Structure formats: structure tokens, C-alpha cells
Amino acid sequence: MSWIILIASGVLEAVWATALGKSEGFTKLWPSIVFGVALVISMAGLAFAMRDISVGTAYAVWVGIGAALTVLYAMIFGGEPASLIKVLLILGLVGCIVGLKLVDTAH
């Protein structure tokens, strides 16, 4: 259960990071609200997951998921230039996240 919550929290990290950019310095109401709600839920999920998953692993997975999804979203919808090397690097990041899950021994 902790891993599912951690993954969902990582997805919400991408949501709040994207909303933060769209809030234009908290001058736009709805992106600012989405940012705040997603941030609180994401942090709460990370804290919950850290009860069963080591801090280093949980944080690295949380950040990795958030970073990968934020970059992918920006490349697909936000005008971020896409390139083969960027896609390969994101896949490498995802591979590292999966690797951390496979070697995690905390219970």
C-alpha cells in the first residue's frame, strides 16, 4: 500500500509543480489553488509512505516520478522542446526508480 501511495504522491508532485508554473507567481487563482491542494496531499502521501519505505528511497522515488512526469507534460503540452536524448534520459530516470523499488529492503 505504501508504494501505491508513494507513486500517487509522485504524480501529485508533477501536478503541483506544473500548477506552480501556471500560477505565474500566484497571480492566477485556480492554478494557485491546484498547487496548494496537490502540494498538501502529495506531502501527506510522502509522509505516510515513509512509515514503511526508507527516507532516501521514498524521497528519491517521489522526486523522480514528479520530475519525469513534469518534463514529459511540458514536452507534450507546454512547448518544452523534445529530443531523443531527453526521452532516453527520462527513461533512464524511470529505470532508476524501478531499480530503487526492486532493491528496497525496508519493511
PDB file of N, CA and C in Angstrom:
ATOM      1  N   MET A   1       0.812  -1.199   0.000  1.00  0.00           N
ATOM      2  CA  MET A   1       0.000   0.000   0.000  1.00  0.00           C
ATOM      3  C   MET A   1       0.858   1.267   0.000  1.00  0.00           C
ATOM      4  N   SER A   2       1.981   1.206   0.755  1.00  0.00           N
ATOM      5  CA  SER A   2       2.846   2.383   0.832  1.00  0.00           C
ATOM      6  C   SER A   2       3.416   2.753  -0.535  1.00  0.00           C
ATOM      7  N   TRP A   3       3.746   1.739  -1.337  1.00  0.00           N
ATOM      8  CA  TRP A   3       4.295   2.032  -2.661  1.00  0.00           C
ATOM      9  C   TRP A   3       3.248   2.661  -3.577  1.00  0.00           C
ATOM     10  N   ILE A   4       2.034   2.214  -3.488  1.00  0.00           N
ATOM     11  CA  ILE A   4       0.960   2.805  -4.306  1.00  0.00           C
ATOM     12  C   ILE A   4       0.757   4.261  -3.918  1.00  0.00           C
ATOM     13  N   ILE A   5       0.735   4.527  -2.623  1.00  0.00           N
ATOM     14  CA  ILE A   5       0.565   5.903  -2.146  1.00  0.00           C
ATOM     15  C   ILE A   5       1.755   6.761  -2.553  1.00  0.00           C
ATOM     16  N   LEU A   6       2.954   6.198  -2.483  1.00  0.00           N
ATOM     17  CA  LEU A   6       4.140   6.945  -2.891  1.00  0.00           C
ATOM     18  C   LEU A   6       4.086   7.302  -4.371  1.00  0.00           C
ATOM     19  N   ILE A   7       3.676   6.372  -5.195  1.00  0.00           N
ATOM     20  CA  ILE A   7       3.573   6.644  -6.634  1.00  0.00           C
ATOM     21  C   ILE A   7       2.523   7.718  -6.903  1.00  0.00           C
ATOM     22  N   ALA A   8       1.368   7.608  -6.245  1.00  0.00           N
ATOM     23  CA  ALA A   8       0.325   8.631  -6.411  1.00  0.00           C
ATOM     24  C   ALA A   8       0.833   9.993  -5.938  1.00  0.00           C
ATOM     25  N   SER A   9       1.594  10.009  -4.864  1.00  0.00           N
ATOM     26  CA  SER A   9       2.151  11.265  -4.357  1.00  0.00           C
ATOM     27  C   SER A   9       3.159  11.852  -5.337  1.00  0.00           C
ATOM     28  N   GLY A  10       3.921  10.987  -6.009  1.00  0.00           N
ATOM     29  CA  GLY A  10       4.844  11.455  -7.035  1.00  0.00           C
ATOM     30  C   GLY A  10       4.117  12.076  -8.219  1.00  0.00           C
ATOM     31  N   VAL A  11       2.994  11.471  -8.584  1.00  0.00           N
ATOM     32  CA  VAL A  11       2.169  12.047  -9.655  1.00  0.00           C
ATOM     33  C   VAL A  11       1.660  13.422  -9.231  1.00  0.00           C
ATOM     34  N   LEU A  12       1.220  13.520  -7.980  1.00  0.00           N
ATOM     35  CA  LEU A  12       0.735  14.811  -7.481  1.00  0.00           C
ATOM     36  C   LEU A  12       1.859  15.840  -7.385  1.00  0.00           C
ATOM     37  N   GLU A  13       3.094  15.384  -7.219  1.00  0.00           N
ATOM     38  CA  GLU A  13       4.202  16.333  -7.248  1.00  0.00           C
ATOM     39  C   GLU A  13       4.297  16.986  -8.624  1.00  0.00           C
ATOM     40  N   ALA A  14       4.105  16.196  -9.675  1.00  0.00           N
ATOM     41  CA  ALA A  14       4.113  16.757 -11.028  1.00  0.00           C
ATOM     42  C   ALA A  14       2.953  17.723 -11.212  1.00  0.00           C
ATOM     43  N   VAL A  15       1.805  17.406 -10.606  1.00  0.00           N
ATOM     44  CA  VAL A  15       0.641  18.299 -10.699  1.00  0.00           C
ATOM     45  C   VAL A  15       0.955  19.633 -10.045  1.00  0.00           C
ATOM     46  N   TRP A  16       1.491  19.592  -8.802  1.00  0.00           N
ATOM     47  CA  TRP A  16       1.726  20.876  -8.138  1.00  0.00           C
ATOM     48  C   TRP A  16       2.857  21.657  -8.788  1.00  0.00           C
ATOM     49  N   ALA A  17       3.872  20.968  -9.324  1.00  0.00           N
ATOM     50  CA  ALA A  17       4.957  21.679  -9.999  1.00  0.00           C
ATOM     51  C   ALA A  17       4.451  22.379 -11.254  1.00  0.00           C
ATOM     52  N   THR A  18       3.605  21.683 -12.001  1.00  0.00           N
ATOM     53  CA  THR A  18       3.029  22.276 -13.205  1.00  0.00           C
ATOM     54  C   THR A  18       2.098  23.432 -12.856  1.00  0.00           C
ATOM     55  N   ALA A  19       1.272  23.233 -11.829  1.00  0.00           N
ATOM     56  CA  ALA A  19       0.358  24.299 -11.395  1.00  0.00           C
ATOM     57  C   ALA A  19       1.128  25.515 -10.900  1.00  0.00           C
ATOM     58  N   LEU A  20       2.248  25.280 -10.233  1.00  0.00           N
ATOM     59  CA  LEU A  20       3.070  26.392  -9.759  1.00  0.00           C
ATOM     60  C   LEU A  20       3.531  27.254 -10.928  1.00  0.00           C
ATOM     61  N   GLY A  21       3.977  26.608 -11.992  1.00  0.00           N
ATOM     62  CA  GLY A  21       4.386  27.355 -13.177  1.00  0.00           C
ATOM     63  C   GLY A  21       3.238  28.114 -13.810  1.00  0.00           C
ATOM     64  N   LYS A  22       2.077  27.491 -13.841  1.00  0.00           N
ATOM     65  CA  LYS A  22       0.909  28.122 -14.460  1.00  0.00           C
ATOM     66  C   LYS A  22       0.295  29.214 -13.579  1.00  0.00           C
ATOM     67  N   SER A  23       0.670  29.239 -12.290  1.00  0.00           N
ATOM     68  CA  SER A  23       0.107  30.252 -11.383  1.00  0.00           C
ATOM     69  C   SER A  23       0.714  31.628 -11.611  1.00  0.00           C
ATOM     70  N   GLU A  24       1.813  31.677 -12.352  1.00  0.00           N
ATOM     71  CA  GLU A  24       2.518  32.929 -12.655  1.00  0.00           C
ATOM     72  C   GLU A  24       2.775  33.735 -11.382  1.00  0.00           C
ATOM     73  N   GLY A  25       3.491  33.085 -10.457  1.00  0.00           N
ATOM     74  CA  GLY A  25       3.838  33.763  -9.204  1.00  0.00           C
ATOM     75  C   GLY A  25       2.641  33.943  -8.287  1.00  0.00           C
ATOM     76  N   PHE A  26       1.735  32.997  -8.310  1.00  0.00           N
ATOM     77  CA  PHE A  26       0.495  33.010  -7.508  1.00  0.00           C
ATOM     78  C   PHE A  26      -0.427  34.189  -7.859  1.00  0.00           C
ATOM     79  N   THR A  27      -0.359  34.621  -9.112  1.00  0.00           N
ATOM     80  CA  THR A  27      -1.253  35.707  -9.543  1.00  0.00           C
ATOM     81  C   THR A  27      -2.512  35.171 -10.212  1.00  0.00           C
ATOM     82  N   LYS A  28      -2.549  33.876 -10.511  1.00  0.00           N
ATOM     83  CA  LYS A  28      -3.739  33.253 -11.092  1.00  0.00           C
ATOM     84  C   LYS A  28      -4.360  32.345 -10.042  1.00  0.00           C
ATOM     85  N   LEU A  29      -5.661  32.525  -9.804  1.00  0.00           N
ATOM     86  CA  LEU A  29      -6.333  31.859  -8.689  1.00  0.00           C
ATOM     87  C   LEU A  29      -6.356  30.346  -8.808  1.00  0.00           C
ATOM     88  N   TRP A  30      -6.911  29.797  -9.887  1.00  0.00           N
ATOM     89  CA  TRP A  30      -7.124  28.351  -9.964  1.00  0.00           C
ATOM     90  C   TRP A  30      -5.835  27.548  -9.996  1.00  0.00           C
ATOM     91  N   PRO A  31      -4.840  27.955 -10.768  1.00  0.00           N
ATOM     92  CA  PRO A  31      -3.579  27.212 -10.674  1.00  0.00           C
ATOM     93  C   PRO A  31      -2.964  27.293  -9.268  1.00  0.00           C
ATOM     94  N   SER A  32      -3.149  28.414  -8.585  1.00  0.00           N
ATOM     95  CA  SER A  32      -2.633  28.559  -7.220  1.00  0.00           C
ATOM     96  C   SER A  32      -3.352  27.623  -6.260  1.00  0.00           C
ATOM     97  N   ILE A  33      -4.657  27.470  -6.445  1.00  0.00           N
ATOM     98  CA  ILE A  33      -5.431  26.550  -5.601  1.00  0.00           C
ATOM     99  C   ILE A  33      -5.027  25.105  -5.884  1.00  0.00           C
ATOM    100  N   VAL A  34      -4.904  24.756  -7.159  1.00  0.00           N
ATOM    101  CA  VAL A  34      -4.475  23.400  -7.523  1.00  0.00           C
ATOM    102  C   VAL A  34      -3.097  23.125  -6.924  1.00  0.00           C
ATOM    103  N   PHE A  35      -2.206  24.097  -7.005  1.00  0.00           N
ATOM    104  CA  PHE A  35      -0.879  23.945  -6.418  1.00  0.00           C
ATOM    105  C   PHE A  35      -0.975  23.615  -4.932  1.00  0.00           C
ATOM    106  N   GLY A  36      -1.723  24.408  -4.178  1.00  0.00           N
ATOM    107  CA  GLY A  36      -1.816  24.214  -2.731  1.00  0.00           C
ATOM    108  C   GLY A  36      -2.411  22.872  -2.349  1.00  0.00           C
ATOM    109  N   VAL A  37      -3.491  22.501  -3.004  1.00  0.00           N
ATOM    110  CA  VAL A  37      -4.159  21.233  -2.686  1.00  0.00           C
ATOM    111  C   VAL A  37      -3.259  20.053  -3.051  1.00  0.00           C
ATOM    112  N   ALA A  38      -2.692  20.082  -4.246  1.00  0.00           N
ATOM    113  CA  ALA A  38      -1.824  18.975  -4.682  1.00  0.00           C
ATOM    114  C   ALA A  38      -0.578  18.881  -3.808  1.00  0.00           C
ATOM    115  N   LEU A  39      -0.036  20.019  -3.398  1.00  0.00           N
ATOM    116  CA  LEU A  39       1.155  20.024  -2.545  1.00  0.00           C
ATOM    117  C   LEU A  39       0.874  19.357  -1.205  1.00  0.00           C
ATOM    118  N   VAL A  40      -0.224  19.739  -0.574  1.00  0.00           N
ATOM    119  CA  VAL A  40      -0.552  19.179   0.738  1.00  0.00           C
ATOM    120  C   VAL A  40      -0.801  17.672   0.637  1.00  0.00           C
ATOM    121  N   ILE A  41      -1.575  17.245  -0.347  1.00  0.00           N
ATOM    122  CA  ILE A  41      -1.869  15.812  -0.493  1.00  0.00           C
ATOM    123  C   ILE A  41      -0.604  15.036  -0.849  1.00  0.00           C
ATOM    124  N   SER A  42       0.223  15.596  -1.725  1.00  0.00           N
ATOM    125  CA  SER A  42       1.460  14.942  -2.122  1.00  0.00           C
ATOM    126  C   SER A  42       2.399  14.758  -0.926  1.00  0.00           C
ATOM    127  N   MET A  43       2.555  15.802  -0.138  1.00  0.00           N
ATOM    128  CA  MET A  43       3.428  15.714   1.047  1.00  0.00           C
ATOM    129  C   MET A  43       2.872  14.730   2.076  1.00  0.00           C
ATOM    130  N   ALA A  44       1.562  14.752   2.259  1.00  0.00           N
ATOM    131  CA  ALA A  44       0.945  13.822   3.211  1.00  0.00           C
ATOM    132  C   ALA A  44       1.165  12.376   2.765  1.00  0.00           C
ATOM    133  N   GLY A  45       1.020  12.120   1.473  1.00  0.00           N
ATOM    134  CA  GLY A  45       1.255  10.778   0.952  1.00  0.00           C
ATOM    135  C   GLY A  45       2.709  10.363   1.105  1.00  0.00           C
ATOM    136  N   LEU A  46       3.632  11.292   0.855  1.00  0.00           N
ATOM    137  CA  LEU A  46       5.051  11.001   1.035  1.00  0.00           C
ATOM    138  C   LEU A  46       5.333  10.658   2.494  1.00  0.00           C
ATOM    139  N   ALA A  47       4.776  11.441   3.402  1.00  0.00           N
ATOM    140  CA  ALA A  47       4.978  11.185   4.834  1.00  0.00           C
ATOM    141  C   ALA A  47       4.422   9.815   5.230  1.00  0.00           C
ATOM    142  N   PHE A  48       3.250   9.482   4.710  1.00  0.00           N
ATOM    143  CA  PHE A  48       2.648   8.172   5.001  1.00  0.00           C
ATOM    144  C   PHE A  48       3.538   7.049   4.493  1.00  0.00           C
ATOM    145  N   ALA A  49       4.014   7.183   3.252  1.00  0.00           N
ATOM    146  CA  ALA A  49       4.845   6.130   2.645  1.00  0.00           C
ATOM    147  C   ALA A  49       6.146   5.943   3.405  1.00  0.00           C
ATOM    148  N   MET A  50       6.670   7.017   3.987  1.00  0.00           N
ATOM    149  CA  MET A  50       7.931   6.934   4.712  1.00  0.00           C
ATOM    150  C   MET A  50       7.817   6.148   6.017  1.00  0.00           C
ATOM    151  N   ARG A  51       6.617   5.784   6.404  1.00  0.00           N
ATOM    152  CA  ARG A  51       6.470   4.914   7.571  1.00  0.00           C
ATOM    153  C   ARG A  51       6.972   3.513   7.262  1.00  0.00           C
ATOM    154  N   ASP A  52       6.885   3.094   5.994  1.00  0.00           N
ATOM    155  CA  ASP A  52       7.288   1.740   5.595  1.00  0.00           C
ATOM    156  C   ASP A  52       8.468   1.703   4.632  1.00  0.00           C
ATOM    157  N   ILE A  53       8.758   2.807   3.975  1.00  0.00           N
ATOM    158  CA  ILE A  53       9.825   2.871   2.978  1.00  0.00           C
ATOM    159  C   ILE A  53      10.894   3.805   3.523  1.00  0.00           C
ATOM    160  N   SER A  54      12.147   3.441   3.368  1.00  0.00           N
ATOM    161  CA  SER A  54      13.222   4.284   3.900  1.00  0.00           C
ATOM    162  C   SER A  54      13.154   5.680   3.293  1.00  0.00           C
ATOM    163  N   VAL A  55      13.615   6.649   4.081  1.00  0.00           N
ATOM    164  CA  VAL A  55      13.527   8.055   3.687  1.00  0.00           C
ATOM    165  C   VAL A  55      14.214   8.308   2.352  1.00  0.00           C
ATOM    166  N   GLY A  56      15.437   7.805   2.203  1.00  0.00           N
ATOM    167  CA  GLY A  56      16.180   8.046   0.972  1.00  0.00           C
ATOM    168  C   GLY A  56      15.495   7.473  -0.253  1.00  0.00           C
ATOM    169  N   THR A  57      15.029   6.251  -0.138  1.00  0.00           N
ATOM    170  CA  THR A  57      14.336   5.603  -1.259  1.00  0.00           C
ATOM    171  C   THR A  57      13.027   6.312  -1.559  1.00  0.00           C
ATOM    172  N   ALA A  58      12.229   6.575  -0.531  1.00  0.00           N
ATOM    173  CA  ALA A  58      10.924   7.215  -0.738  1.00  0.00           C
ATOM    174  C   ALA A  58      11.086   8.579  -1.386  1.00  0.00           C
ATOM    175  N   TYR A  59      12.018   9.371  -0.879  1.00  0.00           N
ATOM    176  CA  TYR A  59      12.200  10.717  -1.426  1.00  0.00           C
ATOM    177  C   TYR A  59      12.700  10.668  -2.868  1.00  0.00           C
ATOM    178  N   ALA A  60      13.661   9.792  -3.137  1.00  0.00           N
ATOM    179  CA  ALA A  60      14.191   9.684  -4.495  1.00  0.00           C
ATOM    180  C   ALA A  60      13.118   9.245  -5.482  1.00  0.00           C
ATOM    181  N   VAL A  61      12.297   8.289  -5.093  1.00  0.00           N
ATOM    182  CA  VAL A  61      11.217   7.818  -5.968  1.00  0.00           C
ATOM    183  C   VAL A  61      10.197   8.931  -6.178  1.00  0.00           C
ATOM    184  N   TRP A  62       9.811   9.613  -5.106  1.00  0.00           N
ATOM    185  CA  TRP A  62       8.832  10.706  -5.172  1.00  0.00           C
ATOM    186  C   TRP A  62       9.305  11.811  -6.114  1.00  0.00           C
ATOM    187  N   VAL A  63      10.543  12.245  -5.923  1.00  0.00           N
ATOM    188  CA  VAL A  63      11.102  13.305  -6.761  1.00  0.00           C
ATOM    189  C   VAL A  63      11.268  12.827  -8.202  1.00  0.00           C
ATOM    190  N   GLY A  64      11.739  11.599  -8.372  1.00  0.00           N
ATOM    191  CA  GLY A  64      11.956  11.073  -9.714  1.00  0.00           C
ATOM    192  C   GLY A  64      10.677  10.988 -10.529  1.00  0.00           C
ATOM    193  N   ILE A  65       9.615  10.478  -9.897  1.00  0.00           N
ATOM    194  CA  ILE A  65       8.327  10.408 -10.580  1.00  0.00           C
ATOM    195  C   ILE A  65       7.845  11.806 -10.933  1.00  0.00           C
ATOM    196  N   GLY A  66       7.918  12.704  -9.977  1.00  0.00           N
ATOM    197  CA  GLY A  66       7.467  14.077 -10.214  1.00  0.00           C
ATOM    198  C   GLY A  66       8.256  14.761 -11.314  1.00  0.00           C
ATOM    199  N   ALA A  67       9.570  14.598 -11.279  1.00  0.00           N
ATOM    200  CA  ALA A  67      10.413  15.242 -12.292  1.00  0.00           C
ATOM    201  C   ALA A  67      10.153  14.671 -13.681  1.00  0.00           C
ATOM    202  N   ALA A  68      10.088  13.348 -13.778  1.00  0.00           N
ATOM    203  CA  ALA A  68       9.866  12.722 -15.083  1.00  0.00           C
ATOM    204  C   ALA A  68       8.527  13.149 -15.677  1.00  0.00           C
ATOM    205  N   LEU A  69       7.484  13.111 -14.863  1.00  0.00           N
ATOM    206  CA  LEU A  69       6.160  13.482 -15.379  1.00  0.00           C
ATOM    207  C   LEU A  69       6.057  14.968 -15.703  1.00  0.00           C
ATOM    208  N   THR A  70       6.723  15.807 -14.913  1.00  0.00           N
ATOM    209  CA  THR A  70       6.694  17.249 -15.183  1.00  0.00           C
ATOM    210  C   THR A  70       7.360  17.553 -16.521  1.00  0.00           C
ATOM    211  N   VAL A  71       8.496  16.925 -16.779  1.00  0.00           N
ATOM    212  CA  VAL A  71       9.193  17.147 -18.051  1.00  0.00           C
ATOM    213  C   VAL A  71       8.377  16.590 -19.211  1.00  0.00           C
ATOM    214  N   LEU A  72       7.825  15.395 -19.048  1.00  0.00           N
ATOM    215  CA  LEU A  72       7.001  14.824 -20.120  1.00  0.00           C
ATOM    216  C   LEU A  72       5.798  15.702 -20.433  1.00  0.00           C
ATOM    217  N   TYR A  73       5.121  16.172 -19.386  1.00  0.00           N
ATOM    218  CA  TYR A  73       3.969  17.061 -19.591  1.00  0.00           C
ATOM    219  C   TYR A  73       4.396  18.321 -20.342  1.00  0.00           C
ATOM    220  N   ALA A  74       5.514  18.897 -19.926  1.00  0.00           N
ATOM    221  CA  ALA A  74       5.985  20.120 -20.579  1.00  0.00           C
ATOM    222  C   ALA A  74       6.357  19.871 -22.041  1.00  0.00           C
ATOM    223  N   MET A  75       6.919  18.708 -22.323  1.00  0.00           N
ATOM    224  CA  MET A  75       7.272  18.404 -23.712  1.00  0.00           C
ATOM    225  C   MET A  75       6.026  18.164 -24.565  1.00  0.00           C
ATOM    226  N   ILE A  76       4.993  17.566 -23.980  1.00  0.00           N
ATOM    227  CA  ILE A  76       3.790  17.248 -24.746  1.00  0.00           C
ATOM    228  C   ILE A  76       2.866  18.456 -24.874  1.00  0.00           C
ATOM    229  N   PHE A  77       2.675  19.189 -23.776  1.00  0.00           N
ATOM    230  CA  PHE A  77       1.661  20.255 -23.765  1.00  0.00           C
ATOM    231  C   PHE A  77       2.208  21.661 -23.561  1.00  0.00           C
ATOM    232  N   GLY A  78       3.430  21.782 -23.073  1.00  0.00           N
ATOM    233  CA  GLY A  78       3.890  23.099 -22.651  1.00  0.00           C
ATOM    234  C   GLY A  78       4.934  23.758 -23.508  1.00  0.00           C
ATOM    235  N   GLY A  79       5.222  23.205 -24.653  1.00  0.00           N
ATOM    236  CA  GLY A  79       6.172  23.846 -25.539  1.00  0.00           C
ATOM    237  C   GLY A  79       7.629  23.557 -25.225  1.00  0.00           C
ATOM    238  N   GLU A  80       7.910  22.675 -24.282  1.00  0.00           N
ATOM    239  CA  GLU A  80       9.290  22.254 -23.998  1.00  0.00           C
ATOM    240  C   GLU A  80       9.790  21.457 -25.186  1.00  0.00           C
ATOM    241  N   PRO A  81      10.929  21.822 -25.739  1.00  0.00           N
ATOM    242  CA  PRO A  81      11.439  21.063 -26.881  1.00  0.00           C
ATOM    243  C   PRO A  81      11.740  19.616 -26.501  1.00  0.00           C
ATOM    244  N   ALA A  82      11.285  18.707 -27.324  1.00  0.00           N
ATOM    245  CA  ALA A  82      11.535  17.279 -27.099  1.00  0.00           C
ATOM    246  C   ALA A  82      12.696  16.841 -27.977  1.00  0.00           C
ATOM    247  N   SER A  83      13.460  15.902 -27.460  1.00  0.00           N
ATOM    248  CA  SER A  83      14.548  15.327 -28.247  1.00  0.00           C
ATOM    249  C   SER A  83      14.730  13.884 -27.818  1.00  0.00           C
ATOM    250  N   LEU A  84      15.386  13.135 -28.651  1.00  0.00           N
ATOM    251  CA  LEU A  84      15.645  11.732 -28.350  1.00  0.00           C
ATOM    252  C   LEU A  84      16.440  11.597 -27.057  1.00  0.00           C
ATOM    253  N   ILE A  85      17.428  12.452 -26.866  1.00  0.00           N
ATOM    254  CA  ILE A  85      18.259  12.350 -25.666  1.00  0.00           C
ATOM    255  C   ILE A  85      17.442  12.638 -24.405  1.00  0.00           C
ATOM    256  N   LYS A  86      16.530  13.604 -24.460  1.00  0.00           N
ATOM    257  CA  LYS A  86      15.677  13.886 -23.300  1.00  0.00           C
ATOM    258  C   LYS A  86      14.795  12.688 -22.971  1.00  0.00           C
ATOM    259  N   VAL A  87      14.218  12.089 -23.988  1.00  0.00           N
ATOM    260  CA  VAL A  87      13.359  10.925 -23.770  1.00  0.00           C
ATOM    261  C   VAL A  87      14.177   9.773 -23.194  1.00  0.00           C
ATOM    262  N   LEU A  88      15.372   9.550 -23.705  1.00  0.00           N
ATOM    263  CA  LEU A  88      16.226   8.485 -23.182  1.00  0.00           C
ATOM    264  C   LEU A  88      16.640   8.759 -21.739  1.00  0.00           C
ATOM    265  N   LEU A  89      16.919   9.993 -21.419  1.00  0.00           N
ATOM    266  CA  LEU A  89      17.277  10.334 -20.038  1.00  0.00           C
ATOM    267  C   LEU A  89      16.100  10.140 -19.087  1.00  0.00           C
ATOM    268  N   ILE A  90      14.898  10.493 -19.529  1.00  0.00           N
ATOM    269  CA  ILE A  90      13.705  10.263 -18.706  1.00  0.00           C
ATOM    270  C   ILE A  90      13.493   8.765 -18.507  1.00  0.00           C
ATOM    271  N   LEU A  91      13.671   7.985 -19.560  1.00  0.00           N
ATOM    272  CA  LEU A  91      13.566   6.523 -19.421  1.00  0.00           C
ATOM    273  C   LEU A  91      14.612   5.987 -18.452  1.00  0.00           C
ATOM    274  N   GLY A  92      15.803   6.560 -18.480  1.00  0.00           N
ATOM    275  CA  GLY A  92      16.835   6.170 -17.524  1.00  0.00           C
ATOM    276  C   GLY A  92      16.424   6.493 -16.097  1.00  0.00           C
ATOM    277  N   LEU A  93      15.798   7.645 -15.912  1.00  0.00           N
ATOM    278  CA  LEU A  93      15.297   8.035 -14.591  1.00  0.00           C
ATOM    279  C   LEU A  93      14.225   7.061 -14.115  1.00  0.00           C
ATOM    280  N   VAL A  94      13.325   6.705 -14.998  1.00  0.00           N
ATOM    281  CA  VAL A  94      12.282   5.733 -14.658  1.00  0.00           C
ATOM    282  C   VAL A  94      12.914   4.384 -14.306  1.00  0.00           C
ATOM    283  N   GLY A  95      13.924   3.990 -15.052  1.00  0.00           N
ATOM    284  CA  GLY A  95      14.623   2.751 -14.740  1.00  0.00           C
ATOM    285  C   GLY A  95      15.261   2.788 -13.360  1.00  0.00           C
ATOM    286  N   CYS A  96      15.824   3.915 -12.984  1.00  0.00           N
ATOM    287  CA  CYS A  96      16.401   4.059 -11.644  1.00  0.00           C
ATOM    288  C   CYS A  96      15.326   3.981 -10.566  1.00  0.00           C
ATOM    289  N   ILE A  97      14.159   4.555 -10.817  1.00  0.00           N
ATOM    290  CA  ILE A  97      13.049   4.492  -9.860  1.00  0.00           C
ATOM    291  C   ILE A  97      12.627   3.032  -9.666  1.00  0.00           C
ATOM    292  N   VAL A  98      12.476   2.308 -10.765  1.00  0.00           N
ATOM    293  CA  VAL A  98      12.109   0.895 -10.674  1.00  0.00           C
ATOM    294  C   VAL A  98      13.203   0.127  -9.935  1.00  0.00           C
ATOM    295  N   GLY A  99      14.447   0.437 -10.209  1.00  0.00           N
ATOM    296  CA  GLY A  99      15.553  -0.215  -9.517  1.00  0.00           C
ATOM    297  C   GLY A  99      15.521   0.024  -8.015  1.00  0.00           C
ATOM    298  N   LEU A 100      15.204   1.240  -7.599  1.00  0.00           N
ATOM    299  CA  LEU A 100      15.094   1.527  -6.170  1.00  0.00           C
ATOM    300  C   LEU A 100      13.995   0.697  -5.525  1.00  0.00           C
ATOM    301  N   LYS A 101      12.898   0.516  -6.238  1.00  0.00           N
ATOM    302  CA  LYS A 101      11.822  -0.320  -5.717  1.00  0.00           C
ATOM    303  C   LYS A 101      12.300  -1.761  -5.563  1.00  0.00           C
ATOM    304  N   LEU A 102      13.015  -2.248  -6.535  1.00  0.00           N
ATOM    305  CA  LEU A 102      13.451  -3.643  -6.513  1.00  0.00           C
ATOM    306  C   LEU A 102      14.464  -3.939  -5.417  1.00  0.00           C
ATOM    307  N   VAL A 103      15.286  -2.955  -5.058  1.00  0.00           N
ATOM    308  CA  VAL A 103      16.310  -3.200  -4.050  1.00  0.00           C
ATOM    309  C   VAL A 103      15.887  -2.746  -2.647  1.00  0.00           C
ATOM    310  N   ASP A 104      14.711  -2.145  -2.524  1.00  0.00           N
ATOM    311  CA  ASP A 104      14.250  -1.673  -1.212  1.00  0.00           C
ATOM    312  C   ASP A 104      14.035  -2.849  -0.282  1.00  0.00           C
ATOM    313  N   THR A 105      14.652  -2.772   0.890  1.00  0.00           N
ATOM    314  CA  THR A 105      14.515  -3.840   1.875  1.00  0.00           C
ATOM    315  C   THR A 105      13.793  -3.385   3.126  1.00  0.00           C
ATOM    316  N   ALA A 106      13.397  -2.109   3.193  1.00  0.00           N
ATOM    317  CA  ALA A 106      12.693  -1.600   4.387  1.00  0.00           C
ATOM    318  C   ALA A 106      11.294  -2.185   4.456  1.00  0.00           C
ATOM    319  N   HIS A 107      10.864  -2.517   5.632  1.00  0.00           N
ATOM    320  CA  HIS A 107       9.514  -3.052   5.827  1.00  0.00           C
ATOM    321  C   HIS A 107       8.870  -2.351   6.998  1.00  0.00           C
TER     322      HIS A 107
END
